[in-house]
PDB file of N, CA and C in Angstrom:
ATOM      1  N   MET A   1     -50.783  -5.875  37.249  1.00  0.00           N
ATOM      2  CA  MET A   1     -50.185  -7.036  37.861  1.00  0.00           C
ATOM      3  C   MET A   1     -50.610  -7.077  39.330  1.00  0.00           C
ATOM      4  N   ALA A   2     -51.209  -8.134  39.738  1.00  0.00           N
ATOM      5  CA  ALA A   2     -51.691  -8.282  41.111  1.00  0.00           C
ATOM      6  C   ALA A   2     -50.544  -8.676  42.043  1.00  0.00           C
ATOM      7  N   VAL A   3     -50.643  -8.181  43.277  1.00  0.00           N
ATOM      8  CA  VAL A   3     -49.645  -8.511  44.302  1.00  0.00           C
ATOM      9  C   VAL A   3     -50.148  -9.706  45.101  1.00  0.00           C
ATOM     10  N   ASP A   4     -49.263 -10.660  45.340  1.00  0.00           N
ATOM     11  CA  ASP A   4     -49.600 -11.816  46.156  1.00  0.00           C
ATOM     12  C   ASP A   4     -50.002 -11.324  47.549  1.00  0.00           C
ATOM     13  N   PRO A   5     -51.228 -11.618  48.009  1.00  0.00           N
ATOM     14  CA  PRO A   5     -51.687 -11.139  49.315  1.00  0.00           C
ATOM     15  C   PRO A   5     -50.753 -11.495  50.460  1.00  0.00           C
ATOM     16  N   ALA A   6     -50.073 -12.610  50.371  1.00  0.00           N
ATOM     17  CA  ALA A   6     -49.153 -13.022  51.430  1.00  0.00           C
ATOM     18  C   ALA A   6     -47.922 -12.100  51.503  1.00  0.00           C
ATOM     19  N   LEU A   7     -47.594 -11.444  50.404  1.00  0.00           N
ATOM     20  CA  LEU A   7     -46.416 -10.574  50.347  1.00  0.00           C
ATOM     21  C   LEU A   7     -46.759  -9.092  50.377  1.00  0.00           C
ATOM     22  N   ARG A   8     -48.037  -8.769  50.344  1.00  0.00           N
ATOM     23  CA  ARG A   8     -48.469  -7.369  50.261  1.00  0.00           C
ATOM     24  C   ARG A   8     -47.889  -6.514  51.386  1.00  0.00           C
ATOM     25  N   ARG A   9     -47.947  -7.003  52.620  1.00  0.00           N
ATOM     26  CA  ARG A   9     -47.457  -6.238  53.768  1.00  0.00           C
ATOM     27  C   ARG A   9     -45.968  -5.904  53.601  1.00  0.00           C
ATOM     28  N   HIS A  10     -45.196  -6.858  53.110  1.00  0.00           N
ATOM     29  CA  HIS A  10     -43.757  -6.642  52.899  1.00  0.00           C
ATOM     30  C   HIS A  10     -43.509  -5.608  51.799  1.00  0.00           C
ATOM     31  N   HIS A  11     -44.318  -5.658  50.745  1.00  0.00           N
ATOM     32  CA  HIS A  11     -44.184  -4.685  49.661  1.00  0.00           C
ATOM     33  C   HIS A  11     -44.497  -3.280  50.157  1.00  0.00           C
ATOM     34  N   VAL A  12     -45.560  -3.147  50.942  1.00  0.00           N
ATOM     35  CA  VAL A  12     -45.945  -1.827  51.458  1.00  0.00           C
ATOM     36  C   VAL A  12     -44.845  -1.280  52.366  1.00  0.00           C
ATOM     37  N   LYS A  13     -44.294  -2.109  53.252  1.00  0.00           N
ATOM     38  CA  LYS A  13     -43.196  -1.663  54.127  1.00  0.00           C
ATOM     39  C   LYS A  13     -41.997  -1.200  53.305  1.00  0.00           C
ATOM     40  N   ALA A  14     -41.667  -1.937  52.245  1.00  0.00           N
ATOM     41  CA  ALA A  14     -40.539  -1.558  51.390  1.00  0.00           C
ATOM     42  C   ALA A  14     -40.807  -0.223  50.702  1.00  0.00           C
ATOM     43  N   LEU A  15     -42.040  -0.027  50.225  1.00  0.00           N
ATOM     44  CA  LEU A  15     -42.387   1.246  49.586  1.00  0.00           C
ATOM     45  C   LEU A  15     -42.294   2.408  50.570  1.00  0.00           C
ATOM     46  N   ILE A  16     -42.722   2.194  51.805  1.00  0.00           N
ATOM     47  CA  ILE A  16     -42.652   3.243  52.825  1.00  0.00           C
ATOM     48  C   ILE A  16     -41.200   3.593  53.124  1.00  0.00           C
ATOM     49  N   LYS A  17     -40.328   2.586  53.238  1.00  0.00           N
ATOM     50  CA  LYS A  17     -38.903   2.851  53.473  1.00  0.00           C
ATOM     51  C   LYS A  17     -38.292   3.625  52.309  1.00  0.00           C
ATOM     52  N   LEU A  18     -38.595   3.210  51.095  1.00  0.00           N
ATOM     53  CA  LEU A  18     -38.079   3.920  49.917  1.00  0.00           C
ATOM     54  C   LEU A  18     -38.591   5.360  49.878  1.00  0.00           C
ATOM     55  N   SER A  19     -39.850   5.546  50.220  1.00  0.00           N
ATOM     56  CA  SER A  19     -40.431   6.885  50.232  1.00  0.00           C
ATOM     57  C   SER A  19     -39.725   7.771  51.249  1.00  0.00           C
ATOM     58  N   GLY A  20     -39.474   7.215  52.430  1.00  0.00           N
ATOM     59  CA  GLY A  20     -38.781   7.979  53.463  1.00  0.00           C
ATOM     60  C   GLY A  20     -37.371   8.355  53.051  1.00  0.00           C
ATOM     61  N   ALA A  21     -36.698   7.464  52.354  1.00  0.00           N
ATOM     62  CA  ALA A  21     -35.315   7.707  51.933  1.00  0.00           C
ATOM     63  C   ALA A  21     -35.220   8.707  50.782  1.00  0.00           C
ATOM     64  N   THR A  22     -36.213   8.704  49.907  1.00  0.00           N
ATOM     65  CA  THR A  22     -36.141   9.543  48.707  1.00  0.00           C
ATOM     66  C   THR A  22     -36.996  10.804  48.781  1.00  0.00           C
ATOM     67  N   GLY A  23     -37.986  10.821  49.689  1.00  0.00           N
ATOM     68  CA  GLY A  23     -38.904  11.956  49.739  1.00  0.00           C
ATOM     69  C   GLY A  23     -39.980  11.876  48.678  1.00  0.00           C
ATOM     70  N   LEU A  24     -40.038  10.760  47.981  1.00  0.00           N
ATOM     71  CA  LEU A  24     -41.055  10.546  46.949  1.00  0.00           C
ATOM     72  C   LEU A  24     -42.022   9.485  47.445  1.00  0.00           C
ATOM     73  N   TYR A  25     -43.191   9.429  46.856  1.00  0.00           N
ATOM     74  CA  TYR A  25     -44.137   8.386  47.236  1.00  0.00           C
ATOM     75  C   TYR A  25     -44.903   7.911  46.016  1.00  0.00           C
ATOM     76  N   PRO A  26     -45.251   6.626  45.995  1.00  0.00           N
ATOM     77  CA  PRO A  26     -46.004   6.088  44.855  1.00  0.00           C
ATOM     78  C   PRO A  26     -47.473   6.476  44.937  1.00  0.00           C
ATOM     79  N   GLU A  27     -48.025   6.864  43.835  1.00  0.00           N
ATOM     80  CA  GLU A  27     -49.431   7.276  43.781  1.00  0.00           C
ATOM     81  C   GLU A  27     -50.380   6.170  44.235  1.00  0.00           C
ATOM     82  N   CYS A  28     -49.963   4.915  44.123  1.00  0.00           N
ATOM     83  CA  CYS A  28     -50.845   3.809  44.498  1.00  0.00           C
ATOM     84  C   CYS A  28     -51.123   3.773  45.997  1.00  0.00           C
ATOM     85  N   LEU A  29     -50.330   4.493  46.806  1.00  0.00           N
ATOM     86  CA  LEU A  29     -50.554   4.509  48.249  1.00  0.00           C
ATOM     87  C   LEU A  29     -51.400   5.695  48.705  1.00  0.00           C
ATOM     88  N   VAL A  30     -51.851   6.511  47.767  1.00  0.00           N
ATOM     89  CA  VAL A  30     -52.678   7.660  48.100  1.00  0.00           C
ATOM     90  C   VAL A  30     -54.144   7.269  47.940  1.00  0.00           C
ATOM     91  N   LEU A  31     -54.931   7.499  48.985  1.00  0.00           N
ATOM     92  CA  LEU A  31     -56.363   7.224  48.895  1.00  0.00           C
ATOM     93  C   LEU A  31     -57.032   8.333  48.101  1.00  0.00           C
ATOM     94  N   LYS A  32     -57.767   7.945  47.094  1.00  0.00           N
ATOM     95  CA  LYS A  32     -58.490   8.927  46.271  1.00  0.00           C
ATOM     96  C   LYS A  32     -59.972   8.703  46.452  1.00  0.00           C
ATOM     97  N   GLY A  33     -60.738   9.734  46.275  1.00  0.00           N
ATOM     98  CA  GLY A  33     -62.180   9.614  46.364  1.00  0.00           C
ATOM     99  C   GLY A  33     -62.726   9.796  47.765  1.00  0.00           C
ATOM    100  N   ILE A  34     -61.928  10.379  48.665  1.00  0.00           N
ATOM    101  CA  ILE A  34     -62.420  10.647  50.017  1.00  0.00           C
ATOM    102  C   ILE A  34     -63.302  11.879  49.974  1.00  0.00           C
ATOM    103  N   GLU A  35     -64.477  11.764  50.546  1.00  0.00           N
ATOM    104  CA  GLU A  35     -65.432  12.877  50.610  1.00  0.00           C
ATOM    105  C   GLU A  35     -65.526  13.336  52.064  1.00  0.00           C
ATOM    106  N   ILE A  36     -65.319  14.644  52.301  1.00  0.00           N
ATOM    107  CA  ILE A  36     -65.461  15.220  53.637  1.00  0.00           C
ATOM    108  C   ILE A  36     -66.927  15.567  53.842  1.00  0.00           C
ATOM    109  N   LEU A  37     -67.490  15.130  54.975  1.00  0.00           N
ATOM    110  CA  LEU A  37     -68.912  15.346  55.260  1.00  0.00           C
ATOM    111  C   LEU A  37     -69.074  16.418  56.336  1.00  0.00           C
ATOM    112  N   GLY A  38     -69.378  17.630  55.938  1.00  0.00           N
ATOM    113  CA  GLY A  38     -69.688  18.682  56.894  1.00  0.00           C
ATOM    114  C   GLY A  38     -68.491  19.327  57.555  1.00  0.00           C
ATOM    115  N   TYR A  39     -68.722  19.787  58.788  1.00  0.00           N
ATOM    116  CA  TYR A  39     -67.734  20.544  59.550  1.00  0.00           C
ATOM    117  C   TYR A  39     -66.908  19.627  60.443  1.00  0.00           C
ATOM    118  N   ALA A  40     -65.797  20.168  60.977  1.00  0.00           N
ATOM    119  CA  ALA A  40     -64.930  19.406  61.872  1.00  0.00           C
ATOM    120  C   ALA A  40     -65.710  18.945  63.100  1.00  0.00           C
ATOM    121  N   VAL A  41     -65.466  17.711  63.507  1.00  0.00           N
ATOM    122  CA  VAL A  41     -66.119  17.157  64.701  1.00  0.00           C
ATOM    123  C   VAL A  41     -65.160  17.118  65.884  1.00  0.00           C
ATOM    124  N   GLY A  42     -63.917  17.480  65.662  1.00  0.00           N
ATOM    125  CA  GLY A  42     -62.923  17.499  66.722  1.00  0.00           C
ATOM    126  C   GLY A  42     -61.621  18.019  66.180  1.00  0.00           C
ATOM    127  N   GLY A  43     -60.613  18.032  67.029  1.00  0.00           N
ATOM    128  CA  GLY A  43     -59.316  18.498  66.578  1.00  0.00           C
ATOM    129  C   GLY A  43     -58.366  18.688  67.734  1.00  0.00           C
ATOM    130  N   GLY A  44     -57.180  19.116  67.389  1.00  0.00           N
ATOM    131  CA  GLY A  44     -56.145  19.340  68.384  1.00  0.00           C
ATOM    132  C   GLY A  44     -55.236  20.456  67.933  1.00  0.00           C
ATOM    133  N   GLY A  45     -54.002  20.421  68.391  1.00  0.00           N
ATOM    134  CA  GLY A  45     -53.058  21.483  68.111  1.00  0.00           C
ATOM    135  C   GLY A  45     -52.585  21.560  66.674  1.00  0.00           C
ATOM    136  N   PHE A  46     -52.636  20.469  65.951  1.00  0.00           N
ATOM    137  CA  PHE A  46     -52.098  20.500  64.589  1.00  0.00           C
ATOM    138  C   PHE A  46     -53.031  19.925  63.529  1.00  0.00           C
ATOM    139  N   ALA A  47     -54.242  19.504  63.913  1.00  0.00           N
ATOM    140  CA  ALA A  47     -55.128  18.886  62.924  1.00  0.00           C
ATOM    141  C   ALA A  47     -56.592  19.016  63.332  1.00  0.00           C
ATOM    142  N   ASP A  48     -57.463  18.902  62.355  1.00  0.00           N
ATOM    143  CA  ASP A  48     -58.903  18.843  62.574  1.00  0.00           C
ATOM    144  C   ASP A  48     -59.388  17.471  62.135  1.00  0.00           C
ATOM    145  N   ILE A  49     -60.429  16.974  62.798  1.00  0.00           N
ATOM    146  CA  ILE A  49     -61.006  15.665  62.474  1.00  0.00           C
ATOM    147  C   ILE A  49     -62.385  15.880  61.862  1.00  0.00           C
ATOM    148  N   PHE A  50     -62.620  15.256  60.739  1.00  0.00           N
ATOM    149  CA  PHE A  50     -63.890  15.351  60.026  1.00  0.00           C
ATOM    150  C   PHE A  50     -64.477  13.962  59.842  1.00  0.00           C
ATOM    151  N   LYS A  51     -65.785  13.903  59.712  1.00  0.00           N
ATOM    152  CA  LYS A  51     -66.402  12.674  59.213  1.00  0.00           C
ATOM    153  C   LYS A  51     -66.199  12.673  57.713  1.00  0.00           C
ATOM    154  N   GLY A  52     -65.992  11.489  57.181  1.00  0.00           N
ATOM    155  CA  GLY A  52     -65.790  11.387  55.750  1.00  0.00           C
ATOM    156  C   GLY A  52     -66.378  10.098  55.226  1.00  0.00           C
ATOM    157  N   ARG A  53     -66.260   9.938  53.918  1.00  0.00           N
ATOM    158  CA  ARG A  53     -66.745   8.736  53.273  1.00  0.00           C
ATOM    159  C   ARG A  53     -65.739   8.336  52.204  1.00  0.00           C
ATOM    160  N   LEU A  54     -65.420   7.040  52.203  1.00  0.00           N
ATOM    161  CA  LEU A  54     -64.573   6.443  51.180  1.00  0.00           C
ATOM    162  C   LEU A  54     -65.343   5.266  50.631  1.00  0.00           C
ATOM    163  N   ARG A  55     -65.703   5.372  49.380  1.00  0.00           N
ATOM    164  CA  ARG A  55     -66.608   4.415  48.748  1.00  0.00           C
ATOM    165  C   ARG A  55     -67.916   4.417  49.539  1.00  0.00           C
ATOM    166  N   ASP A  56     -68.328   3.309  50.102  1.00  0.00           N
ATOM    167  CA  ASP A  56     -69.581   3.278  50.864  1.00  0.00           C
ATOM    168  C   ASP A  56     -69.342   3.201  52.365  1.00  0.00           C
ATOM    169  N   GLN A  57     -68.116   3.469  52.800  1.00  0.00           N
ATOM    170  CA  GLN A  57     -67.765   3.339  54.218  1.00  0.00           C
ATOM    171  C   GLN A  57     -67.558   4.714  54.841  1.00  0.00           C
ATOM    172  N   GLU A  58     -68.165   4.934  56.037  1.00  0.00           N
ATOM    173  CA  GLU A  58     -67.938   6.169  56.777  1.00  0.00           C
ATOM    174  C   GLU A  58     -66.598   6.045  57.493  1.00  0.00           C
ATOM    175  N   ILE A  59     -65.783   7.104  57.404  1.00  0.00           N
ATOM    176  CA  ILE A  59     -64.440   7.085  57.983  1.00  0.00           C
ATOM    177  C   ILE A  59     -64.175   8.383  58.738  1.00  0.00           C
ATOM    178  N   ALA A  60     -63.123   8.399  59.544  1.00  0.00           N
ATOM    179  CA  ALA A  60     -62.628   9.619  60.167  1.00  0.00           C
ATOM    180  C   ALA A  60     -61.464  10.120  59.314  1.00  0.00           C
ATOM    181  N   VAL A  61     -61.426  11.434  59.095  1.00  0.00           N
ATOM    182  CA  VAL A  61     -60.381  12.031  58.267  1.00  0.00           C
ATOM    183  C   VAL A  61     -59.647  13.084  59.093  1.00  0.00           C
ATOM    184  N   LYS A  62     -58.343  12.896  59.266  1.00  0.00           N
ATOM    185  CA  LYS A  62     -57.530  13.882  59.977  1.00  0.00           C
ATOM    186  C   LYS A  62     -56.925  14.809  58.929  1.00  0.00           C
ATOM    187  N   VAL A  63     -57.209  16.095  59.059  1.00  0.00           N
ATOM    188  CA  VAL A  63     -56.691  17.101  58.132  1.00  0.00           C
ATOM    189  C   VAL A  63     -55.667  17.940  58.888  1.00  0.00           C
ATOM    190  N   LEU A  64     -54.410  17.807  58.495  1.00  0.00           N
ATOM    191  CA  LEU A  64     -53.339  18.532  59.161  1.00  0.00           C
ATOM    192  C   LEU A  64     -53.337  19.998  58.751  1.00  0.00           C
ATOM    193  N   ARG A  65     -53.030  20.864  59.704  1.00  0.00           N
ATOM    194  CA  ARG A  65     -52.945  22.303  59.423  1.00  0.00           C
ATOM    195  C   ARG A  65     -51.503  22.666  59.081  1.00  0.00           C
ATOM    196  N   VAL A  66     -51.328  23.308  57.944  1.00  0.00           N
ATOM    197  CA  VAL A  66     -50.010  23.779  57.515  1.00  0.00           C
ATOM    198  C   VAL A  66     -50.140  25.282  57.305  1.00  0.00           C
ATOM    199  N   TYR A  67     -49.331  26.042  58.058  1.00  0.00           N
ATOM    200  CA  TYR A  67     -49.453  27.499  58.020  1.00  0.00           C
ATOM    201  C   TYR A  67     -48.483  28.165  57.053  1.00  0.00           C
ATOM    202  N   GLN A  68     -47.349  27.557  56.814  1.00  0.00           N
ATOM    203  CA  GLN A  68     -46.370  28.141  55.911  1.00  0.00           C
ATOM    204  C   GLN A  68     -45.928  27.100  54.900  1.00  0.00           C
ATOM    205  N   ARG A  69     -45.599  27.548  53.732  1.00  0.00           N
ATOM    206  CA  ARG A  69     -45.151  26.647  52.670  1.00  0.00           C
ATOM    207  C   ARG A  69     -43.929  25.837  53.118  1.00  0.00           C
ATOM    208  N   SER A  70     -43.055  26.440  53.906  1.00  0.00           N
ATOM    209  CA  SER A  70     -41.845  25.740  54.358  1.00  0.00           C
ATOM    210  C   SER A  70     -42.182  24.565  55.270  1.00  0.00           C
ATOM    211  N   ASP A  71     -43.339  24.599  55.932  1.00  0.00           N
ATOM    212  CA  ASP A  71     -43.748  23.504  56.816  1.00  0.00           C
ATOM    213  C   ASP A  71     -44.141  22.253  56.035  1.00  0.00           C
ATOM    214  N   ILE A  72     -44.487  22.407  54.785  1.00  0.00           N
ATOM    215  CA  ILE A  72     -44.945  21.265  53.986  1.00  0.00           C
ATOM    216  C   ILE A  72     -43.834  20.229  53.842  1.00  0.00           C
ATOM    217  N   GLU A  73     -42.607  20.685  53.603  1.00  0.00           N
ATOM    218  CA  GLU A  73     -41.507  19.732  53.440  1.00  0.00           C
ATOM    219  C   GLU A  73     -41.267  18.951  54.728  1.00  0.00           C
ATOM    220  N   LYS A  74     -41.283  19.626  55.885  1.00  0.00           N
ATOM    221  CA  LYS A  74     -41.123  18.950  57.171  1.00  0.00           C
ATOM    222  C   LYS A  74     -42.266  17.960  57.383  1.00  0.00           C
ATOM    223  N   LEU A  75     -43.467  18.384  57.063  1.00  0.00           N
ATOM    224  CA  LEU A  75     -44.647  17.545  57.228  1.00  0.00           C
ATOM    225  C   LEU A  75     -44.551  16.277  56.378  1.00  0.00           C
ATOM    226  N   LEU A  76     -44.098  16.426  55.147  1.00  0.00           N
ATOM    227  CA  LEU A  76     -43.956  15.267  54.268  1.00  0.00           C
ATOM    228  C   LEU A  76     -42.940  14.278  54.820  1.00  0.00           C
ATOM    229  N   LYS A  77     -41.838  14.768  55.387  1.00  0.00           N
ATOM    230  CA  LYS A  77     -40.838  13.864  55.959  1.00  0.00           C
ATOM    231  C   LYS A  77     -41.416  13.078  57.123  1.00  0.00           C
ATOM    232  N   VAL A  78     -42.176  13.740  57.980  1.00  0.00           N
ATOM    233  CA  VAL A  78     -42.773  13.064  59.134  1.00  0.00           C
ATOM    234  C   VAL A  78     -43.804  12.044  58.671  1.00  0.00           C
ATOM    235  N   THR A  79     -44.661  12.431  57.729  1.00  0.00           N
ATOM    236  CA  THR A  79     -45.705  11.516  57.284  1.00  0.00           C
ATOM    237  C   THR A  79     -45.119  10.310  56.571  1.00  0.00           C
ATOM    238  N   LEU A  80     -44.057  10.510  55.804  1.00  0.00           N
ATOM    239  CA  LEU A  80     -43.414   9.378  55.137  1.00  0.00           C
ATOM    240  C   LEU A  80     -42.767   8.446  56.151  1.00  0.00           C
ATOM    241  N   LYS A  81     -42.221   9.005  57.219  1.00  0.00           N
ATOM    242  CA  LYS A  81     -41.584   8.185  58.247  1.00  0.00           C
ATOM    243  C   LYS A  81     -42.578   7.230  58.888  1.00  0.00           C
ATOM    244  N   TYR A  82     -43.803   7.698  59.082  1.00  0.00           N
ATOM    245  CA  TYR A  82     -44.807   6.878  59.754  1.00  0.00           C
ATOM    246  C   TYR A  82     -45.752   6.177  58.790  1.00  0.00           C
ATOM    247  N   GLY A  83     -45.516   6.332  57.512  1.00  0.00           N
ATOM    248  CA  GLY A  83     -46.361   5.628  56.546  1.00  0.00           C
ATOM    249  C   GLY A  83     -47.734   6.254  56.399  1.00  0.00           C
ATOM    250  N   ILE A  84     -47.827   7.557  56.662  1.00  0.00           N
ATOM    251  CA  ILE A  84     -49.096   8.271  56.509  1.00  0.00           C
ATOM    252  C   ILE A  84     -48.977   9.069  55.228  1.00  0.00           C
ATOM    253  N   PHE A  85     -49.920   8.893  54.327  1.00  0.00           N
ATOM    254  CA  PHE A  85     -49.820   9.571  53.051  1.00  0.00           C
ATOM    255  C   PHE A  85     -50.925  10.616  52.932  1.00  0.00           C
ATOM    256  N   ILE A  86     -50.518  11.786  52.467  1.00  0.00           N
ATOM    257  CA  ILE A  86     -51.457  12.907  52.370  1.00  0.00           C
ATOM    258  C   ILE A  86     -51.414  13.458  50.962  1.00  0.00           C
ATOM    259  N   ASN A  87     -52.398  14.257  50.649  1.00  0.00           N
ATOM    260  CA  ASN A  87     -52.443  14.952  49.381  1.00  0.00           C
ATOM    261  C   ASN A  87     -52.296  16.436  49.654  1.00  0.00           C
ATOM    262  N   VAL A  88     -51.217  17.041  49.198  1.00  0.00           N
ATOM    263  CA  VAL A  88     -50.987  18.469  49.413  1.00  0.00           C
ATOM    264  C   VAL A  88     -51.354  19.198  48.130  1.00  0.00           C
ATOM    265  N   ASN A  89     -52.324  20.098  48.228  1.00  0.00           N
ATOM    266  CA  ASN A  89     -52.740  20.873  47.054  1.00  0.00           C
ATOM    267  C   ASN A  89     -52.045  22.205  47.023  1.00  0.00           C
TER     268      ASN A  89
END
């Protein structure tokens, strides 16, 4: 079922709010098929930046550093709050 383009932004905002409230996220908001190209080109205190590719477009990919399993839950809450979706393996 296609989403009306005029309402898409409202649907995404609603999904982000629901995700933040429940700690769950819909798979449709996760980007799949991102390819990391080579080594980190930059970084900071909590993440590294890589060149990447999504479909035929070159993109920047921020990879967050998680040192302990307990940090993953905190990280998910922060990312859901800001509408940033990650894949935790």
